[in-house]
């Protein structure tokens, strides 16, 4: 625990739900680790007015929620991805009046919260509208923002909002990147100096995600965990499964979505019959149980920051088939093992939209990788995690927060000079 003079009051800020997505899991982990080090925490986040959040070890008296779809704001939560695990609004579809309401409510809530809580530092999530707003409202308070990758996509797609985003985000004290590749993207898009952007990474809960005795591979149990959307590559993963030679397998689909993309994924899953089990949204504890009982995890995404779910699956003793994204390569750096297979990502436009002509080859490559790893499962259901222990240790939440905490302390000390 740090000495008393370095104990801080930290305001954590997220514009959407503090659960359901990677950024919510990240935020909750930061709060828990900060509390373990003696810091005092408070959360401002968005929720649906009729659906309280699922918080792990965090009490609601530590939170102030902006309520969407009733309550504070009449429309649905604008999501950092266009399709969220829950009904949402797209930022690109907000009218000028809705955008004004959005900013006015967050302005009021943030001013009231800062006046009552008096934070030493603000830790926001996403290089986007609410982070920019907070920077403009409180230039005197040290502020650090975590980039999760989805903000880079919104910056690409919502050109009409860039000036508003940059008006605050270009003046942040520090930005936390998930990877070295993402750091370069942040510097280029937001005009930040290299010293402003720190590579902190993201982590997994090593007390929750642990290996277990794998079942007999009859069938081979595969698991997909993520949004039911095209950008995650799920439709093409499902098509690839229709091409694999291994006859006895079962896919567990964990996650959620909404709209036409979710329905497309569910139709393709239905075509595969009883070999696909739809779990929907599940708590982290249930996800850990599914991983422990699964042999092979599949990530078919076309765009990710740093996919925590790969770490969680590896720590649970799963083999991995994944696209060769920079974030995946960062996790798998220096790992030489037969139980991780990377598949070439198709050429992309606008960050996560594959060129149609590349998709047949992508499906074939995915099917081949799945075949190889499923054959390996049949030969040896258990994997020896010693090859990845050092890599996993670097990505525990304790390890990640040690880097984040140093940024906090340095910024607060610098502000006091």
Protein backbone atom coordinates (compact mmCIF):
# COMPACT_ATOMS: atom_id res chain seq x y z
CA UNK A 1 0.00 0.00 0.00
CA UNK A 2 1.36 3.46 -0.84
CA UNK A 3 2.32 5.91 1.92
CA UNK A 4 -0.51 8.10 3.25
CA UNK A 5 0.53 11.18 1.27
CA UNK A 6 -0.08 9.36 -2.01
CA UNK A 7 -3.62 8.18 -1.21
CA UNK A 8 -5.92 9.89 -3.66
CA UNK A 9 -9.56 10.66 -4.28
CA UNK A 10 -10.19 9.33 -7.79
CA UNK A 11 -13.25 10.13 -9.91
CA UNK A 12 -13.82 7.37 -12.49
CA UNK A 13 -15.85 8.47 -15.50
CA UNK A 14 -17.57 6.30 -18.15
CA UNK A 15 -20.31 7.53 -20.47
CA UNK A 16 -22.00 4.11 -20.81
CA UNK A 17 -22.78 1.17 -18.51
CA UNK A 18 -20.04 0.17 -16.04
CA UNK A 19 -20.59 -3.48 -16.93
CA UNK A 20 -21.48 -5.48 -20.08
CA UNK A 21 -18.38 -4.44 -22.09
CA UNK A 22 -14.61 -4.47 -21.77
CA UNK A 23 -14.43 -0.84 -20.71
CA UNK A 24 -16.88 -1.49 -17.87
CA UNK A 25 -14.85 -4.47 -16.68
CA UNK A 26 -11.71 -2.33 -16.91
CA UNK A 27 -13.29 0.48 -14.88
CA UNK A 28 -14.47 -1.86 -12.12
CA UNK A 29 -11.02 -3.45 -11.93
CA UNK A 30 -9.39 -0.03 -11.58
CA UNK A 31 -11.75 0.85 -8.72
CA UNK A 32 -11.08 -2.42 -6.88
CA UNK A 33 -7.31 -2.19 -7.28
CA UNK A 34 -7.29 1.49 -6.32
CA UNK A 35 -9.27 0.69 -3.15
CA UNK A 36 -6.78 -2.06 -2.30
CA UNK A 37 -4.02 0.54 -2.44
CA UNK A 38 -5.85 2.89 -0.11
CA UNK A 39 -7.37 5.30 -2.62
CA UNK A 40 -10.96 6.58 -2.34
CA UNK A 41 -13.10 6.12 -5.44
CA UNK A 42 -16.28 7.47 -6.98
CA UNK A 43 -17.89 6.49 -10.30
CA UNK A 44 -20.00 8.47 -12.77
CA UNK A 45 -21.47 6.23 -15.47
CA UNK A 46 -24.54 5.80 -17.65
CA UNK A 47 -27.27 3.18 -17.22
CA UNK A 48 -30.76 2.45 -18.52
CA UNK A 49 -33.28 3.90 -16.09
CA UNK A 50 -34.92 0.50 -15.56
CA UNK A 51 -31.80 -1.69 -15.38
CA UNK A 52 -29.35 -1.31 -12.47
CA UNK A 53 -25.73 -2.23 -13.19
CA UNK A 54 -23.96 -5.39 -12.07
CA UNK A 55 -21.13 -4.25 -9.81
CA UNK A 56 -18.47 -6.55 -8.35
CA UNK A 57 -17.41 -5.43 -4.88
CA UNK A 58 -18.54 -1.84 -5.52
CA UNK A 59 -21.49 -0.32 -3.68
CA UNK A 60 -23.96 2.09 -5.27
CA UNK A 61 -23.12 4.78 -2.72
CA UNK A 62 -19.80 5.06 -4.58
CA UNK A 63 -21.66 5.87 -7.81
CA UNK A 64 -23.69 8.52 -9.58
CA UNK A 65 -25.59 7.21 -12.58
CA UNK A 66 -26.86 9.20 -15.54
CA UNK A 67 -30.14 7.47 -16.41
CA UNK A 68 -31.02 7.04 -20.09
CA UNK A 69 -34.29 6.09 -21.75
CA UNK A 70 -36.17 7.94 -19.03
CA UNK A 71 -34.84 9.63 -15.93
CA UNK A 72 -32.14 12.14 -16.94
CA UNK A 73 -32.04 11.60 -20.72
CA UNK A 74 -35.02 10.43 -22.81
CA UNK A 75 -33.13 8.46 -25.48
CA UNK A 76 -31.11 5.23 -25.24
CA UNK A 77 -27.44 5.17 -24.20
CA UNK A 78 -25.16 6.13 -27.09
CA UNK A 79 -22.74 3.20 -27.35
CA UNK A 80 -19.05 3.31 -28.10
CA UNK A 81 -19.76 0.61 -30.64
CA UNK A 82 -22.70 1.05 -32.97
CA UNK A 83 -24.18 -2.25 -31.77
CA UNK A 84 -24.01 -2.80 -28.03
CA UNK A 85 -25.00 -5.81 -25.87
CA UNK A 86 -28.06 -3.75 -24.90
CA UNK A 87 -30.39 -1.43 -26.86
CA UNK A 88 -28.50 1.75 -27.68
CA UNK A 89 -28.31 4.88 -29.79
CA UNK A 90 -25.51 5.49 -32.29
CA UNK A 91 -23.46 8.66 -31.84
CA UNK A 92 -23.68 9.31 -35.58
CA UNK A 93 -27.48 9.44 -35.28
CA UNK A 94 -27.74 11.97 -32.45
CA UNK A 95 -29.54 15.13 -33.49
CA UNK A 96 -28.09 18.51 -32.46
CA UNK A 97 -30.82 18.74 -29.80
CA UNK A 98 -30.05 15.27 -28.42
CA UNK A 99 -26.35 16.06 -28.36
CA UNK A 100 -27.06 19.28 -26.47
CA UNK A 101 -29.18 17.37 -23.91
CA UNK A 102 -26.46 14.72 -23.55
CA UNK A 103 -23.77 17.31 -22.80
CA UNK A 104 -26.02 19.43 -20.57
CA UNK A 105 -26.91 16.47 -18.33
CA UNK A 106 -23.30 15.28 -18.05
CA UNK A 107 -22.21 18.86 -17.34
CA UNK A 108 -24.67 19.12 -14.47
CA UNK A 109 -23.83 15.70 -13.03
CA UNK A 110 -20.08 16.23 -13.29
CA UNK A 111 -20.20 19.69 -11.69
CA UNK A 112 -22.31 18.39 -8.80
CA UNK A 113 -20.10 15.34 -8.33
CA UNK A 114 -16.83 17.26 -8.40
CA UNK A 115 -18.17 19.84 -5.96
CA UNK A 116 -19.22 17.10 -3.51
CA UNK A 117 -16.39 14.57 -3.96
CA UNK A 118 -13.48 16.98 -4.61
CA UNK A 119 -11.31 14.52 -6.55
CA UNK A 120 -7.53 14.73 -6.69
CA UNK A 121 -7.60 13.21 -10.18
CA UNK A 122 -10.11 12.18 -12.85
CA UNK A 123 -9.74 8.87 -14.69
CA UNK A 124 -12.09 8.81 -17.66
CA UNK A 125 -12.64 6.12 -20.27
CA UNK A 126 -12.68 6.65 -24.04
CA UNK A 127 -11.16 9.54 -25.95
CA UNK A 128 -14.60 10.83 -26.75
CA UNK A 129 -17.27 13.37 -25.87
CA UNK A 130 -17.61 13.03 -22.09
CA UNK A 131 -13.84 12.89 -21.57
CA UNK A 132 -13.49 16.03 -23.68
CA UNK A 133 -16.27 17.68 -21.71
CA UNK A 134 -14.66 16.85 -18.35
CA UNK A 135 -11.31 18.22 -19.51
CA UNK A 136 -12.94 21.51 -20.53
CA UNK A 137 -14.98 21.76 -17.31
CA UNK A 138 -12.11 21.02 -14.90
CA UNK A 139 -8.78 22.11 -16.43
CA UNK A 140 -7.34 22.49 -12.93
CA UNK A 141 -7.80 18.80 -12.00
CA UNK A 142 -5.23 16.28 -13.29
CA UNK A 143 -6.92 13.99 -15.80
CA UNK A 144 -5.99 10.69 -17.40
CA UNK A 145 -8.08 8.88 -20.03
CA UNK A 146 -7.99 5.21 -21.02
CA UNK A 147 -8.37 4.48 -24.72
CA UNK A 148 -10.27 1.27 -25.46
CA UNK A 149 -10.11 1.27 -29.25
CA UNK A 150 -13.79 1.81 -29.87
CA UNK A 151 -13.21 5.54 -29.44
CA UNK A 152 -10.76 5.45 -32.34
CA UNK A 153 -13.47 3.89 -34.48
CA UNK A 154 -16.01 6.57 -33.50
CA UNK A 155 -13.41 9.22 -34.28
CA UNK A 156 -13.08 7.68 -37.74
CA UNK A 157 -16.83 7.43 -38.38
CA UNK A 158 -18.19 10.61 -36.75
CA UNK A 159 -16.22 13.31 -38.50
CA UNK A 160 -18.76 15.96 -37.49
CA UNK A 161 -17.89 15.38 -33.81
CA UNK A 162 -14.09 15.48 -34.12
CA UNK A 163 -13.67 19.18 -33.30
CA UNK A 164 -15.74 18.81 -30.14
CA UNK A 165 -13.75 15.73 -29.09
CA UNK A 166 -10.39 17.35 -29.77
CA UNK A 167 -11.33 20.56 -27.91
CA UNK A 168 -10.77 18.68 -24.66
CA UNK A 169 -8.97 15.44 -25.47
CA UNK A 170 -6.06 17.23 -27.11
CA UNK A 171 -5.32 18.78 -23.70
CA UNK A 172 -5.41 15.72 -21.44
CA UNK A 173 -2.58 15.30 -18.97
CA UNK A 174 -2.12 11.65 -19.90
CA UNK A 175 -3.70 8.96 -22.06
CA UNK A 176 -3.42 5.25 -21.31
CA UNK A 177 -3.03 3.09 -24.41
CA UNK A 178 -3.70 -0.64 -24.56
CA UNK A 179 -0.71 -1.37 -26.79
CA UNK A 180 2.27 0.23 -28.52
CA UNK A 181 0.41 0.06 -31.84
CA UNK A 182 -2.56 1.86 -30.33
CA UNK A 183 -0.27 4.51 -28.85
CA UNK A 184 0.88 5.43 -32.35
CA UNK A 185 -2.73 5.68 -33.55
CA UNK A 186 -3.68 7.94 -30.62
CA UNK A 187 -0.77 10.29 -31.22
CA UNK A 188 -1.62 10.58 -34.89
CA UNK A 189 -5.39 11.07 -34.54
CA UNK A 190 -5.45 13.32 -31.47
CA UNK A 191 -2.25 15.29 -32.00
CA UNK A 192 -0.74 14.24 -28.67
CA UNK A 193 2.96 14.18 -27.84
CA UNK A 194 4.58 10.77 -27.20
CA UNK A 195 5.20 11.66 -23.55
CA UNK A 196 1.44 12.22 -23.02
CA UNK A 197 0.55 8.65 -24.07
CA UNK A 198 1.53 5.78 -21.78
CA UNK A 199 1.18 2.09 -22.66
CA UNK A 200 -0.60 0.62 -19.65
CA UNK A 201 -2.32 -2.37 -21.28
CA UNK A 202 -5.35 -4.07 -19.81
CA UNK A 203 -5.70 -7.04 -17.56
CA UNK A 204 -7.66 -10.04 -16.40
CA UNK A 205 -8.82 -11.27 -13.02
CA UNK A 206 -6.34 -14.03 -12.17
CA UNK A 207 -8.34 -15.02 -9.08
CA UNK A 208 -11.39 -15.74 -11.26
CA UNK A 209 -9.96 -17.08 -14.51
CA UNK A 210 -8.02 -20.21 -13.57
CA UNK A 211 -7.47 -23.56 -15.30
CA UNK A 212 -9.66 -26.55 -14.55
CA UNK A 213 -9.83 -30.18 -15.57
CA UNK A 214 -11.09 -30.22 -19.15
CA UNK A 215 -13.91 -32.62 -20.09
CA UNK A 216 -13.42 -35.50 -22.48
CA UNK A 217 -13.38 -34.03 -26.05
CA UNK A 218 -16.51 -35.74 -27.18
CA UNK A 219 -17.51 -33.13 -28.27
CA UNK A 220 -14.71 -30.57 -28.52
CA UNK A 221 -16.07 -27.52 -26.71
CA UNK A 222 -15.39 -24.19 -28.39
CA UNK A 223 -16.33 -20.80 -26.97
CA UNK A 224 -16.93 -17.40 -28.53
CA UNK A 225 -17.33 -14.45 -26.11
CA UNK A 226 -18.15 -11.00 -27.42
CA UNK A 227 -20.79 -8.91 -29.11
CA UNK A 228 -22.97 -10.58 -31.74
CA UNK A 229 -21.89 -8.20 -34.50
CA UNK A 230 -20.11 -8.29 -37.85
CA UNK A 231 -17.04 -6.35 -36.65
CA UNK A 232 -16.28 -9.25 -34.30
CA UNK A 233 -16.16 -11.58 -37.30
CA UNK A 234 -18.88 -13.78 -35.82
CA UNK A 235 -20.87 -14.39 -39.03
CA UNK A 236 -17.75 -15.67 -40.80
CA UNK A 237 -16.69 -17.76 -37.80
CA UNK A 238 -20.08 -19.47 -37.95
CA UNK A 239 -19.72 -20.02 -41.68
CA UNK A 240 -16.21 -21.40 -41.14
CA UNK A 241 -17.53 -23.91 -38.61
CA UNK A 242 -19.76 -25.29 -41.34
CA UNK A 243 -16.59 -26.16 -43.27
CA UNK A 244 -14.52 -27.91 -40.56
CA UNK A 245 -13.71 -31.58 -40.95
CA UNK A 246 -13.84 -32.41 -37.24
CA UNK A 247 -17.31 -33.91 -36.81
CA UNK A 248 -17.87 -33.71 -33.06
CA UNK A 249 -17.84 -30.16 -31.68
CA UNK A 250 -20.07 -27.74 -29.79
CA UNK A 251 -19.84 -23.96 -29.85
CA UNK A 252 -20.80 -21.88 -26.81
CA UNK A 253 -21.79 -18.34 -27.85
CA UNK A 254 -21.52 -15.85 -24.99
CA UNK A 255 -22.53 -12.22 -25.42
CA UNK A 256 -25.30 -10.09 -26.80
CA UNK A 257 -26.26 -7.42 -29.24
CA UNK A 258 -29.29 -5.90 -30.88
CA UNK A 259 -30.77 -5.21 -34.27
CA UNK A 260 -30.10 -6.75 -37.67
CA UNK A 261 -26.52 -7.83 -36.97
CA UNK A 262 -27.51 -9.85 -33.93
CA UNK A 263 -30.33 -11.48 -35.89
CA UNK A 264 -27.93 -12.38 -38.71
CA UNK A 265 -25.61 -14.09 -36.21
CA UNK A 266 -28.47 -15.98 -34.60
CA UNK A 267 -29.74 -17.18 -38.00
CA UNK A 268 -26.32 -18.52 -38.92
CA UNK A 269 -26.04 -20.20 -35.52
CA UNK A 270 -29.45 -21.79 -36.01
CA UNK A 271 -28.26 -23.25 -39.31
CA UNK A 272 -25.64 -25.22 -37.33
CA UNK A 273 -28.38 -26.81 -35.21
CA UNK A 274 -27.84 -28.22 -31.75
CA UNK A 275 -24.08 -27.90 -32.04
CA UNK A 276 -24.42 -24.22 -31.02
CA UNK A 277 -25.49 -23.20 -27.51
CA UNK A 278 -26.52 -19.54 -27.04
CA UNK A 279 -25.70 -18.39 -23.50
CA UNK A 280 -26.35 -14.68 -24.03
CA UNK A 281 -24.96 -12.13 -21.58
CA UNK A 282 -23.46 -13.77 -18.49
CA UNK A 283 -21.62 -12.46 -15.40
CA UNK A 284 -17.84 -12.79 -15.26
CA UNK A 285 -18.13 -15.69 -12.81
CA UNK A 286 -20.26 -17.68 -15.26
CA UNK A 287 -17.92 -16.83 -18.14
CA UNK A 288 -15.02 -18.21 -16.11
CA UNK A 289 -16.95 -21.44 -15.56
CA UNK A 290 -17.64 -21.77 -19.30
CA UNK A 291 -13.96 -21.20 -20.10
CA UNK A 292 -12.84 -23.83 -17.60
CA UNK A 293 -15.14 -26.38 -19.28
CA UNK A 294 -14.10 -25.40 -22.83
CA UNK A 295 -11.15 -26.62 -24.88
CA UNK A 296 -10.79 -23.89 -27.49
CA UNK A 297 -11.48 -20.15 -27.56
CA UNK A 298 -12.05 -18.36 -30.87
CA UNK A 299 -11.59 -14.63 -31.56
CA UNK A 300 -12.50 -13.73 -35.14
CA UNK A 301 -12.52 -9.93 -34.69
CA UNK A 302 -11.51 -7.46 -37.37
CA UNK A 303 -10.66 -4.77 -34.82
CA UNK A 304 -9.73 -4.83 -31.11
CA UNK A 305 -7.66 -2.71 -28.76
CA UNK A 306 -6.26 -5.34 -26.43
CA UNK A 307 -8.66 -8.29 -26.20
CA UNK A 308 -8.91 -9.14 -22.50
CA UNK A 309 -10.96 -12.19 -23.35
CA UNK A 310 -7.90 -13.85 -24.93
CA UNK A 311 -6.06 -13.48 -21.64
CA UNK A 312 -9.03 -14.84 -19.70
CA UNK A 313 -9.31 -17.84 -22.01
CA UNK A 314 -5.59 -18.62 -21.90
CA UNK A 315 -5.56 -18.37 -18.11
CA UNK A 316 -8.45 -20.83 -18.07
CA UNK A 317 -6.43 -23.39 -20.00
CA UNK A 318 -8.07 -22.92 -23.40
CA UNK A 319 -6.34 -23.27 -26.72
CA UNK A 320 -6.77 -20.14 -28.86
CA UNK A 321 -7.57 -19.43 -32.50
CA UNK A 322 -7.51 -15.67 -33.14
CA UNK A 323 -7.05 -13.09 -35.85
CA UNK A 324 -3.56 -11.59 -35.96
CA UNK A 325 -4.54 -8.13 -34.72
CA UNK A 326 -1.89 -5.89 -33.12
CA UNK A 327 -3.56 -6.28 -29.72
CA UNK A 328 -3.52 -10.07 -30.03
CA UNK A 329 0.14 -9.99 -31.05
CA UNK A 330 0.86 -7.84 -27.99
CA UNK A 331 -0.70 -10.48 -25.73
CA UNK A 332 1.01 -13.34 -27.55
CA UNK A 333 4.39 -11.66 -27.94
CA UNK A 334 7.29 -14.08 -27.57
CA UNK A 335 4.95 -17.02 -26.98
CA UNK A 336 6.09 -20.03 -28.95
CA UNK A 337 3.47 -22.69 -28.39
CA UNK A 338 1.38 -25.01 -30.49
CA UNK A 339 -1.85 -24.16 -28.68
CA UNK A 340 -2.19 -20.65 -30.15
CA UNK A 341 -3.01 -20.30 -33.87
CA UNK A 342 -3.30 -16.89 -35.52
CA UNK A 343 -5.36 -16.31 -38.67
CA UNK A 344 -4.58 -13.50 -41.12
CA UNK A 345 -7.05 -10.64 -40.80
CA UNK A 346 -8.65 -9.70 -44.13
CA UNK A 347 -7.92 -6.29 -45.59
CA UNK A 348 -10.05 -3.64 -43.92
CA UNK A 349 -11.59 -0.30 -44.69
CA UNK A 350 -12.76 2.10 -41.93
CA UNK A 351 -10.91 0.02 -39.30
CA UNK A 352 -13.26 -2.98 -39.10
CA UNK A 353 -15.05 -3.49 -42.44
CA UNK A 354 -13.48 -6.30 -44.50
CA UNK A 355 -13.30 -6.20 -48.27
CA UNK A 356 -15.93 -8.71 -49.48
CA UNK A 357 -13.54 -10.38 -51.90
CA UNK A 358 -11.23 -11.34 -49.01
CA UNK A 359 -13.90 -13.10 -46.94
CA UNK A 360 -13.97 -16.52 -48.66
CA UNK A 361 -10.23 -16.94 -48.01
CA UNK A 362 -10.72 -15.73 -44.44
CA UNK A 363 -13.41 -18.37 -43.86
CA UNK A 364 -11.17 -21.11 -45.30
CA UNK A 365 -8.20 -20.02 -43.18
CA UNK A 366 -10.38 -19.88 -40.07
CA UNK A 367 -11.78 -23.36 -40.80
CA UNK A 368 -8.27 -24.74 -41.25
CA UNK A 369 -7.05 -23.22 -37.98
CA UNK A 370 -10.08 -24.61 -36.14
CA UNK A 371 -9.51 -28.06 -37.62
CA UNK A 372 -5.87 -28.09 -36.50
CA UNK A 373 -6.61 -26.97 -32.96
CA UNK A 374 -9.62 -29.31 -32.57
CA UNK A 375 -7.44 -32.24 -33.70
CA UNK A 376 -4.90 -31.18 -31.07
CA UNK A 377 -7.65 -31.08 -28.41
CA UNK A 378 -8.58 -34.67 -29.25
CA UNK A 379 -4.94 -35.74 -28.85
CA UNK A 380 -4.36 -33.71 -25.66
CA UNK A 381 -7.35 -32.03 -23.95
CA UNK A 382 -5.19 -30.37 -21.27
CA UNK A 383 -2.59 -27.73 -22.17
CA UNK A 384 0.60 -26.92 -20.29
CA UNK A 385 0.34 -23.24 -19.33
CA UNK A 386 3.99 -22.91 -18.32
CA UNK A 387 4.79 -21.49 -21.78
CA UNK A 388 2.50 -18.51 -21.17
CA UNK A 389 2.82 -17.91 -17.42
CA UNK A 390 5.21 -14.96 -17.73
CA UNK A 391 2.99 -13.31 -20.34
CA UNK A 392 -0.13 -13.82 -18.24
CA UNK A 393 1.57 -12.45 -15.11
CA UNK A 394 2.28 -9.18 -16.95
CA UNK A 395 -1.44 -8.73 -17.62
CA UNK A 396 -3.02 -9.27 -14.21
CA UNK A 397 -5.06 -6.32 -12.96
CA UNK A 398 -2.56 -5.86 -10.12
CA UNK A 399 0.23 -5.49 -12.64
CA UNK A 400 -1.77 -3.13 -14.84
CA UNK A 401 -2.87 -0.95 -11.93
CA UNK A 402 0.72 -0.60 -10.68
CA UNK A 403 1.48 1.21 -13.95
CA UNK A 404 -1.73 3.25 -13.79
CA UNK A 405 -1.11 4.22 -10.17
CA UNK A 406 2.30 5.60 -11.06
CA UNK A 407 0.66 7.83 -13.67
CA UNK A 408 -1.84 9.05 -11.04
CA UNK A 409 0.86 9.88 -8.50
CA UNK A 410 3.15 11.58 -11.01
CA UNK A 411 0.33 13.76 -12.39
CA UNK A 412 -0.89 14.86 -8.97
CA UNK A 413 2.62 15.70 -7.81
CA UNK A 414 3.32 17.61 -11.02
CA UNK A 415 0.10 19.63 -10.62
CA UNK A 416 1.10 20.59 -7.08
CA UNK A 417 4.50 21.92 -8.11
